[in-house]
Amino acid sequence: MTETVLVTGGTGYVAGWVVVGLLERGYEVRTTVRSPGREKAVRDAVATVTAPGDRLSFAVADLTADEGWDAATAGVDHVLHVASPLGDENTRDAAALVVPARDGTLRVLRAATAAGVKRVVMTSAANAASPSSYTEEGVTDETLWTDPDDPTLIPYRRSKTVAEKAAWDFITDHGARPR
């Protein structure tokens, strides 16, 4: 039986390559889009590299809303949570990135838990484990966290740190399920 993987943020660059890689490895892939109108663009982009056939499907879900996540995770074996708001060089309001990154991560984890998903993999960033002291100390490992209250952090870096911490707290609070 072929396993199904949900990839969040199907219109994003990283998610697009994740979708391609999974399809090439024989998985059924469902990916999220914020609106049904984005499905064709994703399918067309994937088709430039591999033939998705009927193994690529879509779910409408947005990091900023509860709607759609239960349907997105229904019947999937694994979730790759890739979606995260990026902002741009003009994004100065950290909350514009932090809130959807954190709350979206928790929405994905709650839905995956409710659906009995076997495993969730969340992409993070080195930004979440590179405190300001890194420039002096030069070494990072799993014990280090970026300080989300550091006033010098750009909003994206803060959002990745807060979202990852929220995910770890969720797993701790829910008995490490899903893994």
N, C-alpha and C. Protein backbone atom coordinates (compact mmCIF):
# COMPACT_ATOMS: atom_id res chain seq x y z
N MET A 1 0.85 -1.19 0.00
CA MET A 1 0.00 0.00 0.00
C MET A 1 0.88 1.24 0.00
N THR A 2 0.60 2.18 -0.85
CA THR A 2 1.36 3.42 -0.96
C THR A 2 1.00 4.36 0.19
N GLU A 3 2.02 4.94 0.79
CA GLU A 3 1.78 5.90 1.86
C GLU A 3 1.50 7.28 1.29
N THR A 4 0.70 8.04 2.03
CA THR A 4 0.34 9.39 1.63
C THR A 4 1.03 10.38 2.56
N VAL A 5 1.62 11.40 1.95
CA VAL A 5 2.31 12.44 2.70
C VAL A 5 1.66 13.78 2.41
N LEU A 6 1.36 14.52 3.47
CA LEU A 6 0.87 15.88 3.33
C LEU A 6 2.07 16.81 3.41
N VAL A 7 2.20 17.68 2.43
CA VAL A 7 3.24 18.71 2.43
C VAL A 7 2.54 20.06 2.54
N THR A 8 2.82 20.80 3.60
CA THR A 8 2.18 22.10 3.76
C THR A 8 2.88 23.14 2.89
N GLY A 9 2.11 24.10 2.43
CA GLY A 9 2.70 25.21 1.68
C GLY A 9 3.11 24.88 0.27
N GLY A 10 2.27 24.16 -0.45
CA GLY A 10 2.61 23.66 -1.77
C GLY A 10 3.04 24.69 -2.79
N THR A 11 2.71 25.94 -2.60
CA THR A 11 3.11 26.97 -3.57
C THR A 11 4.52 27.49 -3.29
N GLY A 12 5.10 27.09 -2.20
CA GLY A 12 6.44 27.58 -1.85
C GLY A 12 7.55 26.83 -2.58
N TYR A 13 8.69 27.46 -2.64
CA TYR A 13 9.85 26.89 -3.34
C TYR A 13 10.29 25.57 -2.73
N VAL A 14 10.52 25.55 -1.43
CA VAL A 14 10.99 24.32 -0.77
C VAL A 14 9.94 23.23 -0.87
N ALA A 15 8.69 23.58 -0.58
CA ALA A 15 7.62 22.58 -0.64
C ALA A 15 7.50 21.99 -2.03
N GLY A 16 7.67 22.80 -3.06
CA GLY A 16 7.59 22.30 -4.43
C GLY A 16 8.61 21.19 -4.69
N TRP A 17 9.82 21.40 -4.23
CA TRP A 17 10.86 20.38 -4.41
C TRP A 17 10.61 19.16 -3.53
N VAL A 18 10.03 19.37 -2.36
CA VAL A 18 9.67 18.24 -1.51
C VAL A 18 8.60 17.39 -2.20
N VAL A 19 7.61 18.05 -2.77
CA VAL A 19 6.55 17.34 -3.49
C VAL A 19 7.16 16.52 -4.63
N VAL A 20 8.02 17.12 -5.41
CA VAL A 20 8.67 16.42 -6.52
C VAL A 20 9.42 15.20 -6.00
N GLY A 21 10.23 15.38 -4.96
CA GLY A 21 11.01 14.27 -4.42
C GLY A 21 10.15 13.12 -3.94
N LEU A 22 9.05 13.45 -3.28
CA LEU A 22 8.15 12.39 -2.79
C LEU A 22 7.48 11.66 -3.95
N LEU A 23 7.01 12.40 -4.93
CA LEU A 23 6.38 11.76 -6.09
C LEU A 23 7.38 10.85 -6.80
N GLU A 24 8.61 11.30 -6.95
CA GLU A 24 9.62 10.48 -7.61
C GLU A 24 9.94 9.21 -6.82
N ARG A 25 9.67 9.22 -5.54
CA ARG A 25 9.90 8.05 -4.69
C ARG A 25 8.65 7.19 -4.54
N GLY A 26 7.58 7.53 -5.26
CA GLY A 26 6.40 6.69 -5.30
C GLY A 26 5.31 7.01 -4.29
N TYR A 27 5.45 8.07 -3.53
CA TYR A 27 4.42 8.43 -2.55
C TYR A 27 3.22 9.09 -3.21
N GLU A 28 2.07 8.96 -2.56
CA GLU A 28 0.91 9.78 -2.85
C GLU A 28 1.16 11.08 -2.10
N VAL A 29 0.93 12.21 -2.73
CA VAL A 29 1.21 13.49 -2.08
C VAL A 29 -0.04 14.37 -2.11
N ARG A 30 -0.34 14.92 -0.96
CA ARG A 30 -1.37 15.95 -0.84
C ARG A 30 -0.62 17.20 -0.38
N THR A 31 -0.90 18.31 -0.97
CA THR A 31 -0.26 19.54 -0.53
C THR A 31 -1.30 20.61 -0.29
N THR A 32 -0.97 21.52 0.60
CA THR A 32 -1.92 22.57 0.93
C THR A 32 -1.67 23.80 0.07
N VAL A 33 -2.75 24.45 -0.26
CA VAL A 33 -2.75 25.74 -0.93
C VAL A 33 -3.75 26.61 -0.18
N ARG A 34 -3.54 27.93 -0.23
CA ARG A 34 -4.47 28.81 0.48
C ARG A 34 -5.77 29.03 -0.26
N SER A 35 -5.76 28.78 -1.59
CA SER A 35 -6.99 28.91 -2.36
C SER A 35 -6.94 27.91 -3.51
N PRO A 36 -8.10 27.41 -3.92
CA PRO A 36 -8.14 26.41 -5.00
C PRO A 36 -7.53 26.93 -6.30
N GLY A 37 -7.53 28.22 -6.51
CA GLY A 37 -6.97 28.79 -7.72
C GLY A 37 -5.47 28.58 -7.86
N ARG A 38 -4.80 28.16 -6.80
CA ARG A 38 -3.35 27.95 -6.83
C ARG A 38 -2.96 26.53 -7.24
N GLU A 39 -3.93 25.64 -7.30
CA GLU A 39 -3.64 24.23 -7.60
C GLU A 39 -2.98 24.05 -8.96
N LYS A 40 -3.47 24.72 -9.99
CA LYS A 40 -2.92 24.56 -11.33
C LYS A 40 -1.46 24.99 -11.38
N ALA A 41 -1.13 26.08 -10.73
CA ALA A 41 0.26 26.56 -10.74
C ALA A 41 1.19 25.54 -10.09
N VAL A 42 0.74 24.93 -9.01
CA VAL A 42 1.56 23.92 -8.34
C VAL A 42 1.71 22.70 -9.24
N ARG A 43 0.60 22.22 -9.79
CA ARG A 43 0.65 21.04 -10.66
C ARG A 43 1.55 21.30 -11.87
N ASP A 44 1.44 22.49 -12.47
CA ASP A 44 2.27 22.84 -13.62
C ASP A 44 3.75 22.89 -13.24
N ALA A 45 4.07 23.46 -12.08
CA ALA A 45 5.47 23.54 -11.64
C ALA A 45 6.05 22.16 -11.40
N VAL A 46 5.29 21.30 -10.74
CA VAL A 46 5.75 19.93 -10.47
C VAL A 46 5.95 19.18 -11.78
N ALA A 47 5.05 19.39 -12.72
CA ALA A 47 5.11 18.67 -14.00
C ALA A 47 6.33 19.03 -14.84
N THR A 48 6.99 20.13 -14.52
CA THR A 48 8.22 20.46 -15.26
C THR A 48 9.37 19.54 -14.87
N VAL A 49 9.20 18.81 -13.77
CA VAL A 49 10.26 17.92 -13.29
C VAL A 49 9.85 16.45 -13.31
N THR A 50 8.60 16.19 -12.92
CA THR A 50 8.11 14.80 -12.85
C THR A 50 6.62 14.79 -13.16
N ALA A 51 6.13 13.65 -13.60
CA ALA A 51 4.71 13.52 -13.92
C ALA A 51 3.94 13.15 -12.66
N PRO A 52 3.12 14.09 -12.15
CA PRO A 52 2.40 13.79 -10.92
C PRO A 52 1.24 12.81 -11.09
N GLY A 53 0.70 12.73 -12.30
CA GLY A 53 -0.44 11.85 -12.52
C GLY A 53 -1.54 12.10 -11.51
N ASP A 54 -2.13 11.02 -11.03
CA ASP A 54 -3.21 11.15 -10.05
C ASP A 54 -2.68 11.01 -8.62
N ARG A 55 -1.36 11.04 -8.45
CA ARG A 55 -0.79 10.90 -7.11
C ARG A 55 -0.61 12.24 -6.39
N LEU A 56 -0.97 13.34 -7.02
CA LEU A 56 -0.89 14.66 -6.40
C LEU A 56 -2.29 15.20 -6.20
N SER A 57 -2.60 15.51 -4.96
CA SER A 57 -3.91 16.10 -4.65
C SER A 57 -3.70 17.33 -3.78
N PHE A 58 -4.78 18.05 -3.55
CA PHE A 58 -4.68 19.34 -2.87
C PHE A 58 -5.71 19.44 -1.76
N ALA A 59 -5.34 20.22 -0.75
CA ALA A 59 -6.26 20.59 0.32
C ALA A 59 -6.13 22.09 0.52
N VAL A 60 -7.24 22.74 0.72
CA VAL A 60 -7.21 24.18 0.97
C VAL A 60 -7.11 24.38 2.48
N ALA A 61 -6.00 25.00 2.89
CA ALA A 61 -5.77 25.29 4.30
C ALA A 61 -4.78 26.44 4.40
N ASP A 62 -4.97 27.26 5.41
CA ASP A 62 -4.15 28.45 5.60
C ASP A 62 -3.62 28.43 7.03
N LEU A 63 -2.37 28.81 7.21
CA LEU A 63 -1.78 28.84 8.54
C LEU A 63 -2.54 29.73 9.52
N THR A 64 -3.29 30.69 9.00
CA THR A 64 -3.96 31.66 9.86
C THR A 64 -5.40 31.28 10.23
N ALA A 65 -5.85 30.10 9.81
CA ALA A 65 -7.24 29.71 10.07
C ALA A 65 -7.33 28.22 10.41
N ASP A 66 -8.29 27.87 11.25
CA ASP A 66 -8.48 26.47 11.64
C ASP A 66 -9.08 25.63 10.52
N GLU A 67 -9.88 26.27 9.67
CA GLU A 67 -10.60 25.54 8.62
C GLU A 67 -9.61 24.86 7.67
N GLY A 68 -9.96 23.63 7.32
CA GLY A 68 -9.22 22.91 6.30
C GLY A 68 -8.16 21.96 6.80
N TRP A 69 -7.66 22.15 8.02
CA TRP A 69 -6.56 21.30 8.48
C TRP A 69 -6.99 19.88 8.79
N ASP A 70 -8.18 19.69 9.33
CA ASP A 70 -8.65 18.31 9.58
C ASP A 70 -8.80 17.55 8.26
N ALA A 71 -9.37 18.21 7.26
CA ALA A 71 -9.51 17.56 5.95
C ALA A 71 -8.14 17.33 5.31
N ALA A 72 -7.22 18.26 5.50
CA ALA A 72 -5.88 18.11 4.91
C ALA A 72 -5.14 16.91 5.47
N THR A 73 -5.31 16.63 6.76
CA THR A 73 -4.57 15.54 7.40
C THR A 73 -5.32 14.21 7.39
N ALA A 74 -6.59 14.23 7.03
CA ALA A 74 -7.38 12.99 7.03
C ALA A 74 -6.78 11.97 6.07
N GLY A 75 -6.49 10.80 6.58
CA GLY A 75 -6.02 9.70 5.75
C GLY A 75 -4.56 9.77 5.35
N VAL A 76 -3.81 10.72 5.88
CA VAL A 76 -2.38 10.78 5.52
C VAL A 76 -1.55 10.02 6.55
N ASP A 77 -0.43 9.49 6.09
CA ASP A 77 0.47 8.75 6.97
C ASP A 77 1.50 9.65 7.63
N HIS A 78 1.96 10.64 6.88
CA HIS A 78 3.02 11.52 7.34
C HIS A 78 2.71 12.96 6.93
N VAL A 79 3.27 13.90 7.69
CA VAL A 79 3.15 15.32 7.36
C VAL A 79 4.54 15.92 7.32
N LEU A 80 4.82 16.66 6.25
CA LEU A 80 6.02 17.48 6.18
C LEU A 80 5.55 18.93 6.25
N HIS A 81 5.76 19.54 7.40
CA HIS A 81 5.31 20.91 7.60
C HIS A 81 6.41 21.86 7.14
N VAL A 82 6.22 22.38 5.94
CA VAL A 82 7.21 23.23 5.29
C VAL A 82 6.75 24.69 5.28
N ALA A 83 5.45 24.92 5.29
CA ALA A 83 4.90 26.27 5.16
C ALA A 83 5.34 27.17 6.31
N SER A 84 5.71 28.39 5.95
CA SER A 84 6.03 29.41 6.94
C SER A 84 6.00 30.75 6.23
N PRO A 85 5.42 31.75 6.88
CA PRO A 85 5.39 33.06 6.23
C PRO A 85 6.80 33.64 6.12
N LEU A 86 7.12 34.19 4.96
CA LEU A 86 8.46 34.75 4.73
C LEU A 86 8.53 36.25 4.92
N GLY A 87 7.48 36.95 4.56
CA GLY A 87 7.58 38.40 4.56
C GLY A 87 8.54 38.84 3.47
N ASP A 88 9.00 40.06 3.56
CA ASP A 88 10.00 40.55 2.62
C ASP A 88 10.89 41.55 3.35
N GLU A 89 11.76 42.19 2.62
CA GLU A 89 12.71 43.11 3.26
C GLU A 89 12.02 44.28 3.94
N ASN A 90 10.76 44.50 3.63
CA ASN A 90 10.01 45.60 4.25
C ASN A 90 9.20 45.17 5.46
N THR A 91 9.18 43.86 5.76
CA THR A 91 8.41 43.37 6.90
C THR A 91 9.14 43.75 8.18
N ARG A 92 8.55 44.64 8.93
CA ARG A 92 9.16 45.10 10.18
C ARG A 92 8.37 44.60 11.40
N ASP A 93 7.10 44.29 11.19
CA ASP A 93 6.25 43.85 12.28
C ASP A 93 6.44 42.36 12.50
N ALA A 94 7.15 42.00 13.56
CA ALA A 94 7.44 40.60 13.83
C ALA A 94 6.17 39.77 13.97
N ALA A 95 5.12 40.34 14.54
CA ALA A 95 3.88 39.59 14.74
C ALA A 95 3.28 39.14 13.41
N ALA A 96 3.54 39.89 12.34
CA ALA A 96 3.01 39.51 11.03
C ALA A 96 3.57 38.17 10.57
N LEU A 97 4.73 37.79 11.08
CA LEU A 97 5.32 36.49 10.74
C LEU A 97 5.23 35.51 11.91
N VAL A 98 5.44 35.99 13.12
CA VAL A 98 5.48 35.10 14.28
C VAL A 98 4.13 34.44 14.53
N VAL A 99 3.07 35.20 14.51
CA VAL A 99 1.75 34.65 14.84
C VAL A 99 1.34 33.55 13.86
N PRO A 100 1.39 33.78 12.54
CA PRO A 100 0.99 32.69 11.65
C PRO A 100 1.97 31.51 11.68
N ALA A 101 3.25 31.76 11.89
CA ALA A 101 4.21 30.65 11.96
C ALA A 101 3.93 29.77 13.17
N ARG A 102 3.78 30.39 14.33
CA ARG A 102 3.50 29.64 15.56
C ARG A 102 2.13 28.99 15.53
N ASP A 103 1.10 29.78 15.25
CA ASP A 103 -0.26 29.26 15.28
C ASP A 103 -0.48 28.24 14.17
N GLY A 104 0.12 28.47 13.02
CA GLY A 104 0.01 27.51 11.92
C GLY A 104 0.66 26.18 12.26
N THR A 105 1.81 26.23 12.89
CA THR A 105 2.48 25.00 13.33
C THR A 105 1.60 24.24 14.30
N LEU A 106 1.00 24.94 15.24
CA LEU A 106 0.12 24.27 16.21
C LEU A 106 -1.14 23.72 15.54
N ARG A 107 -1.66 24.42 14.55
CA ARG A 107 -2.83 23.90 13.81
C ARG A 107 -2.47 22.58 13.11
N VAL A 108 -1.32 22.57 12.47
CA VAL A 108 -0.87 21.36 11.77
C VAL A 108 -0.69 20.22 12.78
N LEU A 109 -0.04 20.48 13.89
CA LEU A 109 0.20 19.43 14.88
C LEU A 109 -1.09 18.92 15.51
N ARG A 110 -2.02 19.81 15.82
CA ARG A 110 -3.31 19.37 16.38
C ARG A 110 -4.07 18.49 15.39
N ALA A 111 -4.12 18.92 14.14
CA ALA A 111 -4.84 18.14 13.12
C ALA A 111 -4.15 16.80 12.88
N ALA A 112 -2.83 16.79 12.85
CA ALA A 112 -2.10 15.54 12.64
C ALA A 112 -2.32 14.58 13.80
N THR A 113 -2.34 15.10 15.00
CA THR A 113 -2.60 14.27 16.17
C THR A 113 -4.00 13.68 16.11
N ALA A 114 -4.98 14.52 15.80
CA ALA A 114 -6.38 14.06 15.72
C ALA A 114 -6.55 13.01 14.62
N ALA A 115 -5.79 13.14 13.54
CA ALA A 115 -5.91 12.21 12.41
C ALA A 115 -5.09 10.93 12.60
N GLY A 116 -4.29 10.87 13.65
CA GLY A 116 -3.48 9.68 13.89
C GLY A 116 -2.30 9.55 12.94
N VAL A 117 -1.79 10.67 12.47
CA VAL A 117 -0.63 10.66 11.57
C VAL A 117 0.55 10.01 12.28
N LYS A 118 1.30 9.18 11.55
CA LYS A 118 2.43 8.45 12.13
C LYS A 118 3.60 9.35 12.50
N ARG A 119 3.90 10.29 11.62
CA ARG A 119 5.07 11.12 11.85
C ARG A 119 4.87 12.50 11.22
N VAL A 120 5.35 13.51 11.94
CA VAL A 120 5.37 14.87 11.42
C VAL A 120 6.81 15.32 11.40
N VAL A 121 7.23 15.86 10.27
CA VAL A 121 8.55 16.46 10.15
C VAL A 121 8.33 17.94 9.87
N MET A 122 8.96 18.77 10.66
CA MET A 122 8.81 20.21 10.51
C MET A 122 10.14 20.80 10.06
N THR A 123 10.11 21.54 8.98
CA THR A 123 11.34 22.23 8.61
C THR A 123 11.48 23.46 9.49
N SER A 124 12.67 23.66 9.95
CA SER A 124 12.96 24.85 10.73
C SER A 124 14.07 25.59 10.00
N ALA A 125 14.93 26.21 10.74
CA ALA A 125 16.03 26.95 10.13
C ALA A 125 17.15 27.05 11.14
N ALA A 126 18.35 27.17 10.63
CA ALA A 126 19.49 27.39 11.52
C ALA A 126 19.26 28.64 12.36
N ASN A 127 18.40 29.52 11.84
CA ASN A 127 18.06 30.73 12.58
C ASN A 127 17.49 30.45 13.97
N ALA A 128 16.90 29.29 14.16
CA ALA A 128 16.30 28.96 15.45
C ALA A 128 17.33 28.50 16.47
N ALA A 129 18.52 28.16 16.01
CA ALA A 129 19.56 27.65 16.91
C ALA A 129 20.87 28.41 16.72
N SER A 130 20.76 29.70 16.52
CA SER A 130 21.98 30.48 16.37
C SER A 130 21.85 31.77 17.17
N PRO A 131 22.08 31.66 18.47
CA PRO A 131 21.97 32.84 19.32
C PRO A 131 23.00 33.90 18.93
N SER A 132 22.76 35.10 19.38
CA SER A 132 23.67 36.19 19.07
C SER A 132 25.09 35.87 19.50
N SER A 133 25.25 35.09 20.57
CA SER A 133 26.58 34.73 21.06
C SER A 133 27.35 33.87 20.07
N TYR A 134 26.64 33.30 19.08
CA TYR A 134 27.29 32.44 18.09
C TYR A 134 28.43 33.16 17.39
N THR A 135 28.29 34.44 17.18
CA THR A 135 29.34 35.18 16.48
C THR A 135 30.63 35.19 17.27
N GLU A 136 30.53 35.09 18.60
CA GLU A 136 31.73 35.04 19.43
C GLU A 136 32.16 33.60 19.72
N GLU A 137 31.18 32.74 19.99
CA GLU A 137 31.50 31.37 20.40
C GLU A 137 31.71 30.44 19.21
N GLY A 138 31.00 30.63 18.12
CA GLY A 138 31.22 29.87 16.91
C GLY A 138 30.71 28.45 16.88
N VAL A 139 30.04 27.97 17.90
CA VAL A 139 29.56 26.60 17.91
C VAL A 139 28.08 26.60 18.28
N THR A 140 27.29 25.82 17.53
CA THR A 140 25.89 25.63 17.91
C THR A 140 25.59 24.14 17.93
N ASP A 141 24.65 23.76 18.74
CA ASP A 141 24.16 22.39 18.79
C ASP A 141 22.72 22.43 19.28
N GLU A 142 22.16 21.25 19.55
CA GLU A 142 20.74 21.16 19.91
C GLU A 142 20.40 21.80 21.25
N THR A 143 21.39 22.20 22.02
CA THR A 143 21.11 22.83 23.31
C THR A 143 20.95 24.33 23.20
N LEU A 144 21.26 24.90 22.07
CA LEU A 144 21.22 26.35 21.90
C LEU A 144 19.94 26.79 21.18
N TRP A 145 19.41 27.88 21.63
CA TRP A 145 18.26 28.49 20.99
C TRP A 145 18.55 29.95 20.73
N THR A 146 17.99 30.45 19.67
CA THR A 146 18.00 31.88 19.44
C THR A 146 17.04 32.50 20.44
N ASP A 147 17.40 33.63 21.01
CA ASP A 147 16.54 34.32 21.96
C ASP A 147 15.48 35.09 21.18
N PRO A 148 14.21 34.67 21.25
CA PRO A 148 13.18 35.35 20.46
C PRO A 148 12.93 36.79 20.92
N ASP A 149 13.42 37.13 22.10
CA ASP A 149 13.25 38.49 22.60
C ASP A 149 14.42 39.41 22.27
N ASP A 150 15.41 38.87 21.57
CA ASP A 150 16.55 39.68 21.14
C ASP A 150 16.05 40.76 20.18
N PRO A 151 16.20 42.02 20.53
CA PRO A 151 15.66 43.10 19.70
C PRO A 151 16.36 43.23 18.34
N THR A 152 17.49 42.57 18.15
CA THR A 152 18.19 42.67 16.87
C THR A 152 17.71 41.64 15.85
N LEU A 153 16.83 40.72 16.26
CA LEU A 153 16.38 39.68 15.34
C LEU A 153 15.47 40.24 14.26
N ILE A 154 15.67 39.74 13.05
CA ILE A 154 14.72 40.07 11.99
C ILE A 154 13.45 39.24 12.24
N PRO A 155 12.29 39.69 11.77
CA PRO A 155 11.04 38.99 12.04
C PRO A 155 11.04 37.52 11.60
N TYR A 156 11.61 37.21 10.45
CA TYR A 156 11.62 35.81 10.00
C TYR A 156 12.37 34.93 10.98
N ARG A 157 13.51 35.36 11.42
CA ARG A 157 14.30 34.58 12.37
C ARG A 157 13.52 34.36 13.67
N ARG A 158 12.87 35.40 14.15
CA ARG A 158 12.05 35.28 15.36
C ARG A 158 10.92 34.29 15.12
N SER A 159 10.28 34.36 13.97
CA SER A 159 9.13 33.48 13.69
C SER A 159 9.56 32.01 13.66
N LYS A 160 10.70 31.71 13.06
CA LYS A 160 11.17 30.33 13.00
C LYS A 160 11.50 29.80 14.39
N THR A 161 12.07 30.63 15.23
CA THR A 161 12.42 30.23 16.60
C THR A 161 11.15 29.97 17.41
N VAL A 162 10.23 30.90 17.36
CA VAL A 162 8.98 30.76 18.14
C VAL A 162 8.18 29.56 17.66
N ALA A 163 8.09 29.35 16.36
CA ALA A 163 7.34 28.21 15.83
C ALA A 163 7.97 26.89 16.25
N GLU A 164 9.28 26.80 16.19
CA GLU A 164 9.92 25.54 16.59
C GLU A 164 9.76 25.29 18.08
N LYS A 165 9.91 26.32 18.89
CA LYS A 165 9.69 26.13 20.33
C LYS A 165 8.26 25.69 20.62
N ALA A 166 7.30 26.25 19.90
CA ALA A 166 5.90 25.86 20.08
C ALA A 166 5.71 24.39 19.72
N ALA A 167 6.38 23.93 18.67
CA ALA A 167 6.28 22.52 18.27
C ALA A 167 6.85 21.61 19.35
N TRP A 168 8.01 21.94 19.87
CA TRP A 168 8.61 21.12 20.93
C TRP A 168 7.72 21.10 22.17
N ASP A 169 7.16 22.24 22.54
CA ASP A 169 6.24 22.29 23.69
C ASP A 169 5.01 21.43 23.43
N PHE A 170 4.46 21.48 22.23
CA PHE A 170 3.30 20.67 21.87
C PHE A 170 3.61 19.19 22.05
N ILE A 171 4.73 18.75 21.53
CA ILE A 171 5.11 17.34 21.61
C ILE A 171 5.31 16.92 23.07
N THR A 172 5.95 17.78 23.85
CA THR A 172 6.13 17.49 25.28
C THR A 172 4.78 17.35 25.97
N ASP A 173 3.87 18.26 25.68
CA ASP A 173 2.55 18.27 26.32
C ASP A 173 1.64 17.14 25.86
N HIS A 174 1.93 16.55 24.69
CA HIS A 174 1.06 15.51 24.12
C HIS A 174 1.73 14.15 24.07
N GLY A 175 2.69 13.92 24.92
CA GLY A 175 3.29 12.60 25.01
C GLY A 175 4.02 12.17 23.77
N ALA A 176 4.63 13.11 23.07
CA ALA A 176 5.46 12.81 21.90
C ALA A 176 4.67 12.14 20.77
N ARG A 177 3.38 12.42 20.64
CA ARG A 177 2.59 11.92 19.52
C ARG A 177 1.96 13.08 18.78
N PRO A 178 2.06 13.17 17.50
CA PRO A 178 2.83 12.28 16.63
C PRO A 178 4.32 12.49 16.83
N ARG A 179 5.11 11.52 16.32
CA ARG A 179 6.56 11.64 16.43
C ARG A 179 7.07 12.54 15.35
